[in-house]
Structure formats: C-alpha cells, structure tokens
C-alpha cells in the first residue's frame, strides 16, 4: 500500500504542476512614470486619434466598438484610465490590482482584434476633466465612452462638454471633436467643437 500511495502521490504532483497558476506568465505591464502628458504626445504619430476612457474590465463594449471600426494604420487608439482620488491624499500614487486588471483586459481585447493601443493611467479628482485634458493635449478627433451604470449617457456627455469648455483655449481654430457614449446596440453622439 505504501508503494502504491507513493507512486500515486508523485504522479498527481506532476499533474498539479501542469494546472498550477503560473505567476511568471502573468500579463506584464510596461510601465513608466511621466510627470506630464506632453512627454507621451510625440509617440502619437498617426493622422487620427481616438481617446477611449476605461474603468471597468467587464464593460469594454465601447473599446471593442472602436477596435472593430478603426484602421490601425491611420489611427492611434489612446486608452485612458483615471484613478479617482478623493479628498487630500499624500503619496500612494501606484496602480492597484484592479487597475492592472483593467489594463490586462484592454491589452487582451486589443490583441484579439490585432490592434495597437496606447494606455495612459492618470490620477485625478474629476475623470471628465482628465478626459478633456488628455483629449485636447493629444489632439483627439473622437472620444468614445462606455455607458456608466451610475449615470446616464446624457449626463456623461454633459459633464464631458462642461469640462471641455473649461479647458478650451481661446483664439485657436477649433478642431472638430466628436464625443460618443456606446453601449450594447446603441450610441449617443455629441459634437464638442
């Protein structure tokens, strides 16, 4: 009995190793810290730019819509995630496991469609202000949001339009920028400028 038990244990040990999670094989994030968004802008070399804000790894319908329709040769897809800081916070400006999960889902979805995305992670107390700021700095032609469970599409577009207006530079010819909220089978569009 001892011999049978010992052999069985060794065989099952090898099987367990085959199915054990591989910590070395997790999606690696190529992270670098930049003090200003303007240091990332020179990397955006394509004629069109689409900003896609993401927050929930289970709600990427809007990103899938962009990945299905844009031409990767002519369009930079900028994926923005804003970590919301509440109140006064000192330090702690690191990506949490939830933030890494969001970007892992984004990378996997982009790979599924064979497209390249430029992920940007920022800390902010107002996500709509961050969206408008990054979109204006990057010269985005389009901003594609997913519908929020907490607010409706109309409220999202209104808050984005208000942030856009606060940041808009006077004296420059406005480039036409379209904002969309996309969800299953529907979309709502608004012309920002």
Protein backbone atom coordinates (compact mmCIF):
# COMPACT_ATOMS: atom_id res chain seq x y z
CA UNK A 1 0.00 0.00 0.00
CA UNK A 2 2.82 2.39 0.78
CA UNK A 3 4.39 1.89 -2.66
CA UNK A 4 1.06 2.45 -4.45
CA UNK A 5 0.38 5.56 -2.37
CA UNK A 6 3.89 6.94 -3.01
CA UNK A 7 3.70 6.38 -6.79
CA UNK A 8 0.19 7.86 -6.94
CA UNK A 9 1.36 10.90 -4.98
CA UNK A 10 4.27 11.52 -7.38
CA UNK A 11 2.03 11.21 -10.46
CA UNK A 12 -0.57 13.58 -9.01
CA UNK A 13 2.17 16.03 -8.04
CA UNK A 14 3.22 16.31 -11.69
CA UNK A 15 -0.42 16.83 -12.78
CA UNK A 16 -0.87 19.53 -10.15
CA UNK A 17 2.15 21.39 -11.52
CA UNK A 18 0.63 21.33 -15.00
CA UNK A 19 -2.54 23.03 -13.77
CA UNK A 20 -1.00 25.33 -11.17
CA UNK A 21 -1.28 29.06 -11.93
CA UNK A 22 1.95 30.38 -13.42
CA UNK A 23 2.87 33.59 -11.63
CA UNK A 24 5.70 34.17 -14.09
CA UNK A 25 3.31 34.17 -17.03
CA UNK A 26 1.00 37.00 -15.91
CA UNK A 27 0.48 39.88 -18.33
CA UNK A 28 3.45 42.18 -17.75
CA UNK A 29 2.77 45.89 -17.80
CA UNK A 30 5.37 48.07 -19.44
CA UNK A 31 5.00 50.96 -17.02
CA UNK A 32 6.89 54.18 -16.92
CA UNK A 33 6.23 57.31 -14.93
CA UNK A 34 5.85 60.60 -16.74
CA UNK A 35 5.25 63.89 -15.00
CA UNK A 36 3.35 65.41 -17.91
CA UNK A 37 1.14 64.11 -20.71
CA UNK A 38 3.13 66.22 -23.21
CA UNK A 39 6.04 63.75 -22.95
CA UNK A 40 3.80 61.00 -24.36
CA UNK A 41 2.33 63.08 -27.23
CA UNK A 42 5.33 62.69 -29.60
CA UNK A 43 4.64 58.93 -29.62
CA UNK A 44 1.27 59.59 -31.26
CA UNK A 45 2.27 59.68 -34.92
CA UNK A 46 -0.86 58.68 -36.83
CA UNK A 47 -3.25 61.07 -38.57
CA UNK A 48 -6.31 60.29 -36.40
CA UNK A 49 -6.52 59.86 -32.65
CA UNK A 50 -9.33 58.25 -30.67
CA UNK A 51 -9.48 58.51 -26.88
CA UNK A 52 -11.22 55.62 -25.11
CA UNK A 53 -11.65 56.08 -21.35
CA UNK A 54 -11.99 52.79 -19.44
CA UNK A 55 -12.80 51.99 -15.83
CA UNK A 56 -14.42 48.56 -15.64
CA UNK A 57 -12.74 45.48 -17.15
CA UNK A 58 -16.20 43.93 -17.61
CA UNK A 59 -17.57 46.93 -19.54
CA UNK A 60 -15.39 47.30 -22.64
CA UNK A 61 -18.14 47.30 -25.27
CA UNK A 62 -17.10 50.81 -26.34
CA UNK A 63 -13.45 49.76 -26.75
CA UNK A 64 -14.50 46.71 -28.78
CA UNK A 65 -16.58 49.02 -30.99
CA UNK A 66 -13.54 51.22 -31.63
CA UNK A 67 -11.25 48.24 -32.24
CA UNK A 68 -13.74 46.82 -34.77
CA UNK A 69 -14.08 50.02 -36.78
CA UNK A 70 -10.81 51.97 -36.79
CA UNK A 71 -7.91 51.47 -39.15
CA UNK A 72 -4.80 50.69 -37.10
CA UNK A 73 -2.54 52.10 -39.83
CA UNK A 74 -4.06 55.60 -39.64
CA UNK A 75 -5.42 55.87 -36.09
CA UNK A 76 -3.81 55.98 -32.65
CA UNK A 77 -6.11 54.44 -30.03
CA UNK A 78 -5.42 56.05 -26.65
CA UNK A 79 -6.89 54.12 -23.73
CA UNK A 80 -7.23 56.28 -20.62
CA UNK A 81 -7.89 55.09 -17.10
CA UNK A 82 -8.25 57.71 -14.36
CA UNK A 83 -7.84 56.69 -10.73
CA UNK A 84 -10.17 58.87 -8.72
CA UNK A 85 -8.50 60.47 -5.71
CA UNK A 86 -10.96 61.57 -3.05
CA UNK A 87 -10.01 64.26 -0.56
CA UNK A 88 -6.41 65.01 0.20
CA UNK A 89 -4.02 62.15 -0.44
CA UNK A 90 -0.30 62.09 0.02
CA UNK A 91 1.70 59.53 -1.93
CA UNK A 92 0.11 56.23 -2.81
CA UNK A 93 0.17 57.05 -6.50
CA UNK A 94 0.56 53.48 -7.66
CA UNK A 95 -1.58 51.19 -9.74
CA UNK A 96 -3.73 48.86 -7.70
CA UNK A 97 -4.51 45.27 -8.65
CA UNK A 98 -7.90 46.46 -10.01
CA UNK A 99 -6.16 49.00 -12.26
CA UNK A 100 -3.82 46.30 -13.57
CA UNK A 101 -6.86 44.09 -14.21
CA UNK A 102 -8.41 46.86 -16.34
CA UNK A 103 -5.30 47.23 -18.48
CA UNK A 104 -4.85 43.46 -18.79
CA UNK A 105 -8.40 43.23 -20.17
CA UNK A 106 -7.67 46.14 -22.54
CA UNK A 107 -4.47 44.53 -23.84
CA UNK A 108 -6.18 41.15 -24.32
CA UNK A 109 -9.07 42.75 -26.22
CA UNK A 110 -6.67 44.74 -28.43
CA UNK A 111 -4.69 41.58 -29.17
CA UNK A 112 -7.92 39.78 -30.08
CA UNK A 113 -8.58 42.44 -32.75
CA UNK A 114 -4.91 42.67 -33.75
CA UNK A 115 -4.75 46.38 -32.94
CA UNK A 116 -2.30 48.53 -31.00
CA UNK A 117 -3.41 50.72 -28.10
CA UNK A 118 -1.57 53.42 -26.14
CA UNK A 119 -2.56 53.02 -22.47
CA UNK A 120 -2.43 56.07 -20.19
CA UNK A 121 -3.09 55.97 -16.45
CA UNK A 122 -3.68 59.22 -14.55
CA UNK A 123 -4.66 60.29 -11.06
CA UNK A 124 -7.50 62.77 -10.89
CA UNK A 125 -10.34 64.04 -8.75
CA UNK A 126 -12.54 64.55 -11.84
CA UNK A 127 -12.48 61.88 -14.57
CA UNK A 128 -14.25 64.10 -17.12
CA UNK A 129 -11.69 66.86 -16.66
CA UNK A 130 -8.95 64.25 -17.20
CA UNK A 131 -10.65 63.01 -20.37
CA UNK A 132 -10.93 66.52 -21.76
CA UNK A 133 -7.38 67.41 -20.78
CA UNK A 134 -5.83 64.29 -22.36
CA UNK A 135 -8.03 64.58 -25.48
CA UNK A 136 -7.06 68.21 -26.03
CA UNK A 137 -3.36 67.58 -25.35
CA UNK A 138 -3.32 64.59 -27.70
CA UNK A 139 -5.34 66.32 -30.42
CA UNK A 140 -8.03 63.62 -30.34
CA UNK A 141 -10.60 63.54 -33.13
CA UNK A 142 -13.02 61.42 -31.15
CA UNK A 143 -13.75 60.43 -27.53
CA UNK A 144 -15.61 57.14 -27.11
CA UNK A 145 -17.03 56.42 -23.64
CA UNK A 146 -18.83 53.39 -22.30
CA UNK A 147 -22.17 53.98 -20.63
CA UNK A 148 -21.91 54.30 -16.87
CA UNK A 149 -24.11 52.28 -14.57
CA UNK A 150 -24.39 55.20 -12.15
CA UNK A 151 -25.28 57.97 -14.61
CA UNK A 152 -26.95 58.01 -17.98
CA UNK A 153 -25.34 58.75 -21.33
CA UNK A 154 -26.82 62.28 -21.39
CA UNK A 155 -25.23 63.16 -18.05
CA UNK A 156 -21.88 61.75 -19.15
CA UNK A 157 -21.88 63.83 -22.34
CA UNK A 158 -22.98 66.92 -20.41
CA UNK A 159 -20.17 66.56 -17.84
CA UNK A 160 -17.62 65.99 -20.61
CA UNK A 161 -18.87 69.04 -22.54
CA UNK A 162 -18.58 71.20 -19.40
CA UNK A 163 -15.01 70.03 -18.76
CA UNK A 164 -14.21 70.53 -22.45
CA UNK A 165 -15.47 74.10 -22.33
CA UNK A 166 -13.46 74.88 -19.18
CA UNK A 167 -10.23 73.71 -20.85
CA UNK A 168 -10.85 75.07 -24.34
CA UNK A 169 -8.18 77.50 -25.44
CA UNK A 170 -9.45 80.78 -26.85
CA UNK A 171 -8.11 82.16 -30.11
CA UNK A 172 -7.40 78.81 -31.75
CA UNK A 173 -9.45 77.38 -34.57
CA UNK A 174 -11.41 74.52 -33.05
CA UNK A 175 -10.70 71.10 -34.47
CA UNK A 176 -13.93 69.10 -34.82
CA UNK A 177 -14.09 66.61 -31.94
CA UNK A 178 -16.92 64.13 -31.52
CA UNK A 179 -17.85 62.51 -28.21
CA UNK A 180 -19.78 59.23 -28.18
CA UNK A 181 -21.27 57.08 -25.48
CA UNK A 182 -21.51 53.50 -26.74
CA UNK A 183 -23.32 50.54 -25.18
CA UNK A 184 -24.87 47.31 -26.46
CA UNK A 185 -26.61 48.11 -29.73
CA UNK A 186 -26.84 51.87 -29.09
CA UNK A 187 -24.80 55.03 -29.12
CA UNK A 188 -25.27 58.72 -28.40
CA UNK A 189 -23.14 61.35 -30.14
CA UNK A 190 -22.31 64.96 -29.34
CA UNK A 191 -20.11 67.46 -31.21
CA UNK A 192 -17.72 69.07 -28.69
CA UNK A 193 -16.14 71.60 -31.06
